[in-house]
């Protein structure tokens, strides 16, 4: 089976840079795949990507040595299994609040006896190889998103879930969970920043990978130095928007800035 490059990166103690795809188009996915990303994640929660779009985008990503992942819209086994069958090599699952939810998520990603994933990797075999079913449990990477108030009370229990590879912080929803305005790139001294550092320390203690969504590369670099091993920067639609604004502002003298508050 094709090796999961992210797992190889993490084993060496290095960090991976993840790109974010929200535009439902195989050509834009191919353009992103031709940059130097370690992985690309299809955002099927807040992006406008449906399953047929996702399949074409995964095929486009496969033209390069970039790990294809997906953020599903909920902890729903059918959707998780179906995008894995399409060839995703990693799943980011939102709104994991307790150990039971974490266990159900992990089991949906794994074939028996370690889970209850149904067999039928229609494209997984093409992308992964003929021995996909035998080795998929060990190659598919699983991230549980920590972004609810309840999850903050269950950090160790969630992180000790057997088969869970890592946690992923969604700063916007985490902010809402504790009564703050949703945004990314929280500065030091911000209450959400302190929570992010707390989650990171628990991840280190439990020896699992910590990932986080970022708005700007400078902030992502700071998070790498703090110990995050998966950092996401911006998104395809934000890059398109930001580049357009920059070009137009030079001609129209528009001084409005993109503050990086959305995906």
Protein backbone atom coordinates (compact mmCIF):
# COMPACT_ATOMS: atom_id res chain seq x y z
CA UNK A 1 0.00 0.00 0.00
CA UNK A 2 1.12 3.55 -0.72
CA UNK A 3 2.73 5.00 2.40
CA UNK A 4 1.12 7.94 4.16
CA UNK A 5 3.75 10.67 3.85
CA UNK A 6 2.32 12.57 6.81
CA UNK A 7 3.00 9.64 9.13
CA UNK A 8 6.55 9.49 7.84
CA UNK A 9 7.00 13.22 8.55
CA UNK A 10 5.56 12.93 12.04
CA UNK A 11 7.77 9.96 12.91
CA UNK A 12 10.86 12.10 12.32
CA UNK A 13 9.53 14.80 14.66
CA UNK A 14 9.05 17.30 11.85
CA UNK A 15 5.97 19.38 11.07
CA UNK A 16 3.75 19.18 7.99
CA UNK A 17 2.18 22.11 6.16
CA UNK A 18 -1.42 21.47 5.16
CA UNK A 19 -3.42 23.30 2.49
CA UNK A 20 -7.17 23.85 2.67
CA UNK A 21 -9.60 23.37 -0.22
CA UNK A 22 -13.11 24.85 -0.22
CA UNK A 23 -13.70 25.46 -3.93
CA UNK A 24 -15.45 22.46 -5.55
CA UNK A 25 -13.23 22.20 -8.59
CA UNK A 26 -10.64 19.65 -9.71
CA UNK A 27 -8.54 22.23 -11.57
CA UNK A 28 -8.08 24.48 -8.55
CA UNK A 29 -7.27 21.35 -6.52
CA UNK A 30 -4.66 20.41 -9.12
CA UNK A 31 -3.16 23.90 -9.00
CA UNK A 32 -2.87 23.68 -5.20
CA UNK A 33 -1.39 20.16 -5.46
CA UNK A 34 1.36 21.53 -7.69
CA UNK A 35 2.59 23.76 -4.89
CA UNK A 36 4.82 22.50 -2.09
CA UNK A 37 2.10 21.39 0.36
CA UNK A 38 2.66 18.22 2.38
CA UNK A 39 -1.09 17.54 2.42
CA UNK A 40 -4.32 19.05 1.12
CA UNK A 41 -7.62 18.83 2.98
CA UNK A 42 -11.03 18.95 1.31
CA UNK A 43 -13.31 20.98 3.57
CA UNK A 44 -16.63 19.16 3.33
CA UNK A 45 -17.95 20.89 6.45
CA UNK A 46 -17.81 24.59 5.61
CA UNK A 47 -16.61 24.43 2.01
CA UNK A 48 -19.09 23.92 -0.83
CA UNK A 49 -17.74 20.53 -1.85
CA UNK A 50 -20.08 17.57 -2.41
CA UNK A 51 -19.12 13.95 -3.02
CA UNK A 52 -18.82 14.02 -6.85
CA UNK A 53 -16.70 17.17 -6.55
CA UNK A 54 -14.57 15.46 -3.90
CA UNK A 55 -13.79 12.44 -6.08
CA UNK A 56 -12.54 14.63 -8.95
CA UNK A 57 -10.50 16.74 -6.54
CA UNK A 58 -8.90 13.65 -4.99
CA UNK A 59 -7.99 12.46 -8.48
CA UNK A 60 -6.42 15.85 -9.24
CA UNK A 61 -4.41 15.81 -5.99
CA UNK A 62 -3.18 12.32 -6.85
CA UNK A 63 -1.17 13.72 -9.75
CA UNK A 64 1.39 14.87 -7.16
CA UNK A 65 2.96 13.45 -4.01
CA UNK A 66 0.59 15.31 -1.70
CA UNK A 67 -1.40 13.49 0.99
CA UNK A 68 -5.16 13.83 0.32
CA UNK A 69 -7.34 14.41 3.39
CA UNK A 70 -10.89 15.50 4.11
CA UNK A 71 -12.67 17.28 6.90
CA UNK A 72 -16.09 15.67 7.07
CA UNK A 73 -19.12 17.67 8.13
CA UNK A 74 -19.95 15.53 11.16
CA UNK A 75 -19.02 12.39 13.06
CA UNK A 76 -21.22 10.32 10.75
CA UNK A 77 -19.90 6.84 9.85
CA UNK A 78 -21.42 6.67 6.38
CA UNK A 79 -19.81 9.89 5.22
CA UNK A 80 -16.47 9.03 6.79
CA UNK A 81 -16.37 5.59 5.13
CA UNK A 82 -17.46 6.94 1.75
CA UNK A 83 -14.74 9.59 1.50
CA UNK A 84 -12.16 7.03 2.63
CA UNK A 85 -13.40 4.72 -0.12
CA UNK A 86 -12.82 7.62 -2.54
CA UNK A 87 -9.14 7.69 -1.61
CA UNK A 88 -8.76 10.13 1.29
CA UNK A 89 -5.72 9.18 3.38
CA UNK A 90 -6.71 11.21 6.42
CA UNK A 91 -9.87 12.40 8.15
CA UNK A 92 -10.36 15.49 10.29
CA UNK A 93 -13.60 15.09 12.26
CA UNK A 94 -15.25 18.16 13.82
CA UNK A 95 -16.93 18.65 17.18
CA UNK A 96 -15.49 15.68 19.08
CA UNK A 97 -16.51 16.32 22.69
CA UNK A 98 -15.87 13.10 24.62
CA UNK A 99 -14.19 9.71 24.53
CA UNK A 100 -17.26 7.89 23.20
CA UNK A 101 -17.48 10.20 20.19
CA UNK A 102 -13.74 9.84 19.61
CA UNK A 103 -13.99 6.04 19.72
CA UNK A 104 -16.90 6.01 17.26
CA UNK A 105 -14.95 8.24 14.89
CA UNK A 106 -11.85 6.06 14.98
CA UNK A 107 -13.83 2.83 14.52
CA UNK A 108 -15.58 4.27 11.45
CA UNK A 109 -12.13 4.72 9.88
CA UNK A 110 -10.91 1.17 10.59
CA UNK A 111 -11.79 -2.27 9.28
CA UNK A 112 -12.72 -5.09 11.71
CA UNK A 113 -11.63 -6.22 14.18
CA UNK A 114 -10.29 -2.77 15.13
CA UNK A 115 -13.33 -0.92 13.85
CA UNK A 116 -16.54 -1.28 11.87
CA UNK A 117 -15.65 0.29 8.54
CA UNK A 118 -17.49 -1.45 5.73
CA UNK A 119 -15.41 -2.89 2.89
CA UNK A 120 -15.68 -1.33 -0.57
CA UNK A 121 -12.70 0.97 -1.28
CA UNK A 122 -13.75 1.63 -4.84
CA UNK A 123 -11.03 4.22 -5.46
CA UNK A 124 -8.95 3.52 -2.36
CA UNK A 125 -7.63 0.43 -4.12
CA UNK A 126 -6.61 2.49 -7.14
CA UNK A 127 -4.83 5.13 -5.08
CA UNK A 128 -3.56 2.96 -2.21
CA UNK A 129 -2.78 -0.31 -3.97
CA UNK A 130 -3.96 -3.92 -4.11
CA UNK A 131 -3.16 -4.58 -0.43
CA UNK A 132 -5.22 -1.58 0.71
CA UNK A 133 -7.60 -3.58 2.90
CA UNK A 134 -4.74 -5.27 4.76
CA UNK A 135 -2.85 -2.09 5.59
CA UNK A 136 -5.36 0.78 5.54
CA UNK A 137 -5.90 0.66 9.31
CA UNK A 138 -2.27 1.62 9.83
CA UNK A 139 -1.95 4.19 7.04
CA UNK A 140 -5.15 6.25 7.37
CA UNK A 141 -4.57 9.18 9.72
CA UNK A 142 -7.31 10.31 12.10
CA UNK A 143 -7.63 13.76 13.70
CA UNK A 144 -10.35 14.67 16.21
CA UNK A 145 -11.19 18.37 16.33
CA UNK A 146 -11.10 19.99 19.77
CA UNK A 147 -13.44 22.95 19.61
CA UNK A 148 -16.28 22.50 22.10
CA UNK A 149 -16.61 23.43 25.76
CA UNK A 150 -17.21 19.79 26.69
CA UNK A 151 -14.05 18.65 24.93
CA UNK A 152 -11.97 20.95 27.14
CA UNK A 153 -13.16 18.93 30.13
CA UNK A 154 -12.25 15.62 28.44
CA UNK A 155 -8.90 16.31 26.83
CA UNK A 156 -7.00 13.35 28.24
CA UNK A 157 -9.86 10.91 27.72
CA UNK A 158 -10.23 11.96 24.08
CA UNK A 159 -6.49 11.91 23.43
CA UNK A 160 -6.08 8.46 24.96
CA UNK A 161 -8.54 6.94 22.48
CA UNK A 162 -6.94 3.89 20.91
CA UNK A 163 -6.17 4.43 17.24
CA UNK A 164 -6.50 8.23 17.33
CA UNK A 165 -3.44 9.80 15.67
CA UNK A 166 -3.95 13.40 16.67
CA UNK A 167 -6.15 16.32 17.56
CA UNK A 168 -6.86 19.39 15.47
CA UNK A 169 -7.80 22.78 16.86
CA UNK A 170 -10.45 24.92 15.22
CA UNK A 171 -9.79 28.33 16.82
CA UNK A 172 -13.02 29.90 15.58
CA UNK A 173 -15.40 27.34 17.11
CA UNK A 174 -13.17 27.07 20.17
CA UNK A 175 -13.59 30.82 20.59
CA UNK A 176 -17.37 30.58 20.35
CA UNK A 177 -17.38 27.73 22.87
CA UNK A 178 -15.91 29.98 25.55
CA UNK A 179 -17.87 33.13 24.71
CA UNK A 180 -15.28 34.86 22.50
CA UNK A 181 -15.55 36.21 18.96
CA UNK A 182 -14.60 33.63 16.28
CA UNK A 183 -11.25 34.29 14.61
CA UNK A 184 -7.84 32.76 13.96
CA UNK A 185 -4.29 33.68 14.96
CA UNK A 186 -5.04 34.50 18.57
CA UNK A 187 -2.38 36.69 20.19
CA UNK A 188 -0.62 35.86 23.43
CA UNK A 189 -2.69 37.03 26.38
CA UNK A 190 -5.95 36.20 24.63
CA UNK A 191 -7.98 33.67 26.65
CA UNK A 192 -8.34 31.42 23.60
CA UNK A 193 -4.58 31.47 23.07
CA UNK A 194 -4.16 30.13 26.60
CA UNK A 195 -6.64 27.34 25.82
CA UNK A 196 -4.75 26.48 22.64
CA UNK A 197 -1.53 26.14 24.62
CA UNK A 198 -3.34 23.99 27.20
CA UNK A 199 -4.61 21.64 24.47
CA UNK A 200 -1.12 21.46 22.96
CA UNK A 201 0.42 20.50 26.30
CA UNK A 202 -2.13 17.71 26.75
CA UNK A 203 -1.34 16.45 23.24
CA UNK A 204 2.36 16.36 24.06
CA UNK A 205 1.65 14.57 27.32
CA UNK A 206 -0.42 11.95 25.53
CA UNK A 207 2.12 11.60 22.71
CA UNK A 208 -0.24 12.40 19.85
CA UNK A 209 0.01 14.89 16.98
CA UNK A 210 -1.37 18.39 17.46
CA UNK A 211 -2.72 20.32 14.48
CA UNK A 212 -4.18 23.80 14.16
CA UNK A 213 -5.90 26.06 11.61
CA UNK A 214 -4.08 29.35 10.96
CA UNK A 215 -4.78 32.50 9.01
CA UNK A 216 -1.28 33.70 8.23
CA UNK A 217 2.03 31.85 7.61
CA UNK A 218 3.83 33.87 10.27
CA UNK A 219 1.42 32.61 12.90
CA UNK A 220 1.70 29.04 11.61
CA UNK A 221 5.47 29.27 11.92
CA UNK A 222 5.03 30.39 15.53
CA UNK A 223 2.77 27.40 16.21
CA UNK A 224 5.36 25.02 14.74
CA UNK A 225 7.93 26.44 17.14
CA UNK A 226 5.48 25.83 19.99
CA UNK A 227 5.20 22.16 19.02
CA UNK A 228 2.35 21.79 16.53
CA UNK A 229 3.18 19.18 13.89
CA UNK A 230 0.35 19.93 11.46
CA UNK A 231 -0.35 23.52 10.51
CA UNK A 232 -2.96 24.66 8.01
CA UNK A 233 -2.55 28.05 6.36
CA UNK A 234 -5.42 29.91 4.74
CA UNK A 235 -7.44 28.27 1.98
CA UNK A 236 -7.82 28.27 -1.79
CA UNK A 237 -10.71 30.74 -1.74
CA UNK A 238 -8.91 33.06 0.67
CA UNK A 239 -5.78 33.07 -1.49
CA UNK A 240 -7.86 33.94 -4.54
CA UNK A 241 -9.66 36.69 -2.64
CA UNK A 242 -6.50 38.12 -1.04
CA UNK A 243 -4.54 38.17 -4.31
CA UNK A 244 -7.43 39.90 -6.09
CA UNK A 245 -7.75 42.50 -3.34
CA UNK A 246 -4.01 43.19 -3.42
CA UNK A 247 -4.01 43.72 -7.18
CA UNK A 248 -7.13 45.87 -7.20
CA UNK A 249 -5.98 47.96 -4.23
CA UNK A 250 -2.88 49.04 -6.16
CA UNK A 251 -5.09 50.50 -8.88
CA UNK A 252 -8.00 51.76 -6.80
CA UNK A 253 -5.98 52.73 -3.71
CA UNK A 254 -8.17 50.53 -1.56
CA UNK A 255 -6.66 50.35 1.93
CA UNK A 256 -8.94 47.67 3.34
CA UNK A 257 -7.02 44.75 4.79
CA UNK A 258 -7.85 41.06 4.96
CA UNK A 259 -7.71 40.33 8.67
CA UNK A 260 -7.90 36.55 8.33
CA UNK A 261 -11.05 36.01 10.38
CA UNK A 262 -12.63 33.39 8.13
CA UNK A 263 -11.69 30.15 6.45
